[in-house]
């Protein structure tokens, strides 16, 4: 789900898991990254301030 909502931030690992790429979310993509976090079906992603 996160790859669909914010492909600029999330990528697929060789093992098939979604991973966050950048250390910081690029400007302008904050809302898309939050939507990806909120819609994660596994609740495996969290936002760190």
PDB file of N, CA and C in Angstrom:
ATOM      1  N   UNK A   1       0.825  -1.187   0.000  1.00  0.00           N
ATOM      2  CA  UNK A   1       0.000   0.000   0.000  1.00  0.00           C
ATOM      3  C   UNK A   1       0.872   1.254   0.000  1.00  0.00           C
ATOM      4  N   UNK A   2       1.942   1.240   0.798  1.00  0.00           N
ATOM      5  CA  UNK A   2       2.773   2.450   0.874  1.00  0.00           C
ATOM      6  C   UNK A   2       3.446   2.747  -0.457  1.00  0.00           C
ATOM      7  N   UNK A   3       3.802   1.714  -1.191  1.00  0.00           N
ATOM      8  CA  UNK A   3       4.408   1.920  -2.508  1.00  0.00           C
ATOM      9  C   UNK A   3       3.429   2.590  -3.464  1.00  0.00           C
ATOM     10  N   UNK A   4       2.182   2.263  -3.341  1.00  0.00           N
ATOM     11  CA  UNK A   4       1.152   2.853  -4.194  1.00  0.00           C
ATOM     12  C   UNK A   4       0.914   4.312  -3.839  1.00  0.00           C
ATOM     13  N   UNK A   5       0.891   4.608  -2.543  1.00  0.00           N
ATOM     14  CA  UNK A   5       0.563   5.956  -2.085  1.00  0.00           C
ATOM     15  C   UNK A   5       1.741   6.927  -2.141  1.00  0.00           C
ATOM     16  N   UNK A   6       2.954   6.418  -2.009  1.00  0.00           N
ATOM     17  CA  UNK A   6       4.108   7.314  -1.975  1.00  0.00           C
ATOM     18  C   UNK A   6       5.365   6.602  -2.505  1.00  0.00           C
ATOM     19  N   UNK A   7       5.407   6.321  -3.802  1.00  0.00           N
ATOM     20  CA  UNK A   7       6.543   5.584  -4.362  1.00  0.00           C
ATOM     21  C   UNK A   7       7.859   6.356  -4.317  1.00  0.00           C
ATOM     22  N   UNK A   8       7.792   7.657  -4.098  1.00  0.00           N
ATOM     23  CA  UNK A   8       9.019   8.456  -4.004  1.00  0.00           C
ATOM     24  C   UNK A   8       9.752   8.215  -2.682  1.00  0.00           C
ATOM     25  N   UNK A   9       9.047   7.682  -1.697  1.00  0.00           N
ATOM     26  CA  UNK A   9       9.628   7.467  -0.371  1.00  0.00           C
ATOM     27  C   UNK A   9       9.855   5.989  -0.085  1.00  0.00           C
ATOM     28  N   UNK A  10       8.987   5.128  -0.592  1.00  0.00           N
ATOM     29  CA  UNK A  10       9.073   3.706  -0.280  1.00  0.00           C
ATOM     30  C   UNK A  10       9.503   2.903  -1.500  1.00  0.00           C
ATOM     31  N   UNK A  11      10.218   1.822  -1.238  1.00  0.00           N
ATOM     32  CA  UNK A  11      10.714   0.942  -2.287  1.00  0.00           C
ATOM     33  C   UNK A  11      10.490  -0.497  -1.848  1.00  0.00           C
ATOM     34  N   UNK A  12      10.636  -1.418  -2.749  1.00  0.00           N
ATOM     35  CA  UNK A  12      10.472  -2.834  -2.452  1.00  0.00           C
ATOM     36  C   UNK A  12      11.850  -3.474  -2.337  1.00  0.00           C
ATOM     37  N   UNK A  13      12.091  -4.170  -1.224  1.00  0.00           N
ATOM     38  CA  UNK A  13      13.383  -4.832  -1.021  1.00  0.00           C
ATOM     39  C   UNK A  13      13.436  -6.116  -1.852  1.00  0.00           C
ATOM     40  N   UNK A  14      14.604  -6.705  -1.924  1.00  0.00           N
ATOM     41  CA  UNK A  14      14.767  -7.971  -2.643  1.00  0.00           C
ATOM     42  C   UNK A  14      13.933  -9.088  -2.023  1.00  0.00           C
ATOM     43  N   UNK A  15      13.622  -8.940  -0.737  1.00  0.00           N
ATOM     44  CA  UNK A  15      12.816  -9.935  -0.030  1.00  0.00           C
ATOM     45  C   UNK A  15      11.321  -9.697  -0.172  1.00  0.00           C
ATOM     46  N   UNK A  16      10.952  -8.607  -0.862  1.00  0.00           N
ATOM     47  CA  UNK A  16       9.540  -8.319  -1.068  1.00  0.00           C
ATOM     48  C   UNK A  16       8.906  -7.447  -0.014  1.00  0.00           C
ATOM     49  N   UNK A  17       9.712  -6.866   0.870  1.00  0.00           N
ATOM     50  CA  UNK A  17       9.191  -5.991   1.908  1.00  0.00           C
ATOM     51  C   UNK A  17       9.324  -4.538   1.476  1.00  0.00           C
ATOM     52  N   UNK A  18       8.375  -3.727   1.859  1.00  0.00           N
ATOM     53  CA  UNK A  18       8.466  -2.293   1.584  1.00  0.00           C
ATOM     54  C   UNK A  18       9.429  -1.672   2.588  1.00  0.00           C
ATOM     55  N   UNK A  19      10.283  -0.798   2.093  1.00  0.00           N
ATOM     56  CA  UNK A  19      11.245  -0.109   2.942  1.00  0.00           C
ATOM     57  C   UNK A  19      11.248   1.378   2.588  1.00  0.00           C
ATOM     58  N   UNK A  20      11.519   2.207   3.583  1.00  0.00           N
ATOM     59  CA  UNK A  20      11.646   3.640   3.342  1.00  0.00           C
ATOM     60  C   UNK A  20      13.031   3.911   2.794  1.00  0.00           C
ATOM     61  N   UNK A  21      13.106   4.699   1.733  1.00  0.00           N
ATOM     62  CA  UNK A  21      14.392   5.004   1.108  1.00  0.00           C
ATOM     63  C   UNK A  21      15.105   6.190   1.736  1.00  0.00           C
ATOM     64  N   UNK A  22      14.521   7.378   1.718  1.00  0.00           N
ATOM     65  CA  UNK A  22      15.276   8.535   2.218  1.00  0.00           C
ATOM     66  C   UNK A  22      15.283   8.598   3.740  1.00  0.00           C
ATOM     67  N   UNK A  23      16.301   9.281   4.282  1.00  0.00           N
ATOM     68  CA  UNK A  23      16.338   9.522   5.724  1.00  0.00           C
ATOM     69  C   UNK A  23      15.264  10.518   6.128  1.00  0.00           C
ATOM     70  N   UNK A  24      14.994  11.460   5.227  1.00  0.00           N
ATOM     71  CA  UNK A  24      13.952  12.454   5.459  1.00  0.00           C
ATOM     72  C   UNK A  24      12.993  12.449   4.277  1.00  0.00           C
ATOM     73  N   UNK A  25      11.740  12.692   4.575  1.00  0.00           N
ATOM     74  CA  UNK A  25      10.738  12.771   3.515  1.00  0.00           C
ATOM     75  C   UNK A  25      10.963  14.070   2.748  1.00  0.00           C
ATOM     76  N   UNK A  26      11.090  14.005   1.430  1.00  0.00           N
ATOM     77  CA  UNK A  26      11.290  15.221   0.641  1.00  0.00           C
ATOM     78  C   UNK A  26      10.126  16.204   0.805  1.00  0.00           C
ATOM     79  N   UNK A  27      10.462  17.479   0.740  1.00  0.00           N
ATOM     80  CA  UNK A  27       9.449  18.531   0.855  1.00  0.00           C
ATOM     81  C   UNK A  27       8.349  18.312  -0.170  1.00  0.00           C
ATOM     82  N   UNK A  28       7.125  18.477   0.270  1.00  0.00           N
ATOM     83  CA  UNK A  28       5.978  18.317  -0.611  1.00  0.00           C
ATOM     84  C   UNK A  28       5.396  16.921  -0.609  1.00  0.00           C
ATOM     85  N   UNK A  29       6.094  15.969  -0.006  1.00  0.00           N
ATOM     86  CA  UNK A  29       5.599  14.585   0.020  1.00  0.00           C
ATOM     87  C   UNK A  29       5.155  14.145   1.423  1.00  0.00           C
ATOM     88  N   UNK A  30       5.118  15.089   2.341  1.00  0.00           N
ATOM     89  CA  UNK A  30       4.762  14.753   3.715  1.00  0.00           C
ATOM     90  C   UNK A  30       3.365  14.145   3.818  1.00  0.00           C
ATOM     91  N   UNK A  31       2.383  14.742   3.154  1.00  0.00           N
ATOM     92  CA  UNK A  31       1.010  14.223   3.223  1.00  0.00           C
ATOM     93  C   UNK A  31       0.903  12.832   2.613  1.00  0.00           C
ATOM     94  N   UNK A  32       1.585  12.590   1.504  1.00  0.00           N
ATOM     95  CA  UNK A  32       1.561  11.270   0.872  1.00  0.00           C
ATOM     96  C   UNK A  32       2.236  10.236   1.770  1.00  0.00           C
ATOM     97  N   UNK A  33       3.321  10.612   2.424  1.00  0.00           N
ATOM     98  CA  UNK A  33       4.006   9.685   3.336  1.00  0.00           C
ATOM     99  C   UNK A  33       3.123   9.365   4.537  1.00  0.00           C
ATOM    100  N   UNK A  34       2.433  10.371   5.071  1.00  0.00           N
ATOM    101  CA  UNK A  34       1.521  10.128   6.187  1.00  0.00           C
ATOM    102  C   UNK A  34       0.366   9.216   5.764  1.00  0.00           C
ATOM    103  N   UNK A  35      -0.151   9.416   4.566  1.00  0.00           N
ATOM    104  CA  UNK A  35      -1.224   8.551   4.066  1.00  0.00           C
ATOM    105  C   UNK A  35      -0.730   7.109   3.955  1.00  0.00           C
ATOM    106  N   UNK A  36       0.504   6.932   3.515  1.00  0.00           N
ATOM    107  CA  UNK A  36       1.077   5.591   3.413  1.00  0.00           C
ATOM    108  C   UNK A  36       1.176   4.949   4.789  1.00  0.00           C
ATOM    109  N   UNK A  37       1.613   5.731   5.784  1.00  0.00           N
ATOM    110  CA  UNK A  37       1.720   5.229   7.153  1.00  0.00           C
ATOM    111  C   UNK A  37       0.344   4.833   7.684  1.00  0.00           C
ATOM    112  N   UNK A  38      -0.634   5.703   7.507  1.00  0.00           N
ATOM    113  CA  UNK A  38      -1.982   5.459   8.022  1.00  0.00           C
ATOM    114  C   UNK A  38      -2.667   4.278   7.350  1.00  0.00           C
ATOM    115  N   UNK A  39      -2.292   3.966   6.113  1.00  0.00           N
ATOM    116  CA  UNK A  39      -2.957   2.903   5.372  1.00  0.00           C
ATOM    117  C   UNK A  39      -2.174   1.599   5.313  1.00  0.00           C
ATOM    118  N   UNK A  40      -1.097   1.514   6.073  1.00  0.00           N
ATOM    119  CA  UNK A  40      -0.310   0.278   6.096  1.00  0.00           C
ATOM    120  C   UNK A  40      -1.154  -0.837   6.709  1.00  0.00           C
ATOM    121  N   UNK A  41      -1.444  -1.896   5.951  1.00  0.00           N
ATOM    122  CA  UNK A  41      -2.297  -2.960   6.477  1.00  0.00           C
ATOM    123  C   UNK A  41      -1.649  -3.740   7.609  1.00  0.00           C
ATOM    124  N   UNK A  42      -0.345  -3.696   7.705  1.00  0.00           N
ATOM    125  CA  UNK A  42       0.372  -4.413   8.778  1.00  0.00           C
ATOM    126  C   UNK A  42       0.685  -3.525   9.964  1.00  0.00           C
ATOM    127  N   UNK A  43       0.423  -2.209   9.824  1.00  0.00           N
ATOM    128  CA  UNK A  43       0.775  -1.231  10.859  1.00  0.00           C
ATOM    129  C   UNK A  43       2.254  -1.322  11.209  1.00  0.00           C
ATOM    130  N   UNK A  44       3.072  -1.528  10.194  1.00  0.00           N
ATOM    131  CA  UNK A  44       4.505  -1.723  10.368  1.00  0.00           C
ATOM    132  C   UNK A  44       5.307  -0.443  10.197  1.00  0.00           C
ATOM    133  N   UNK A  45       4.645   0.650   9.836  1.00  0.00           N
ATOM    134  CA  UNK A  45       5.339   1.909   9.590  1.00  0.00           C
ATOM    135  C   UNK A  45       4.888   2.921  10.635  1.00  0.00           C
ATOM    136  N   UNK A  46       5.837   3.684  11.154  1.00  0.00           N
ATOM    137  CA  UNK A  46       5.474   4.743  12.084  1.00  0.00           C
ATOM    138  C   UNK A  46       6.254   5.998  11.721  1.00  0.00           C
ATOM    139  N   UNK A  47       5.735   7.122  12.157  1.00  0.00           N
ATOM    140  CA  UNK A  47       6.364   8.405  11.885  1.00  0.00           C
ATOM    141  C   UNK A  47       7.248   8.762  13.075  1.00  0.00           C
ATOM    142  N   UNK A  48       8.466   9.179  12.772  1.00  0.00           N
ATOM    143  CA  UNK A  48       9.404   9.605  13.799  1.00  0.00           C
ATOM    144  C   UNK A  48       9.628  11.111  13.639  1.00  0.00           C
ATOM    145  N   UNK A  49       9.473  11.843  14.702  1.00  0.00           N
ATOM    146  CA  UNK A  49       9.683  13.300  14.640  1.00  0.00           C
ATOM    147  C   UNK A  49      11.142  13.630  14.825  1.00  0.00           C
TER     148      UNK A  49
END
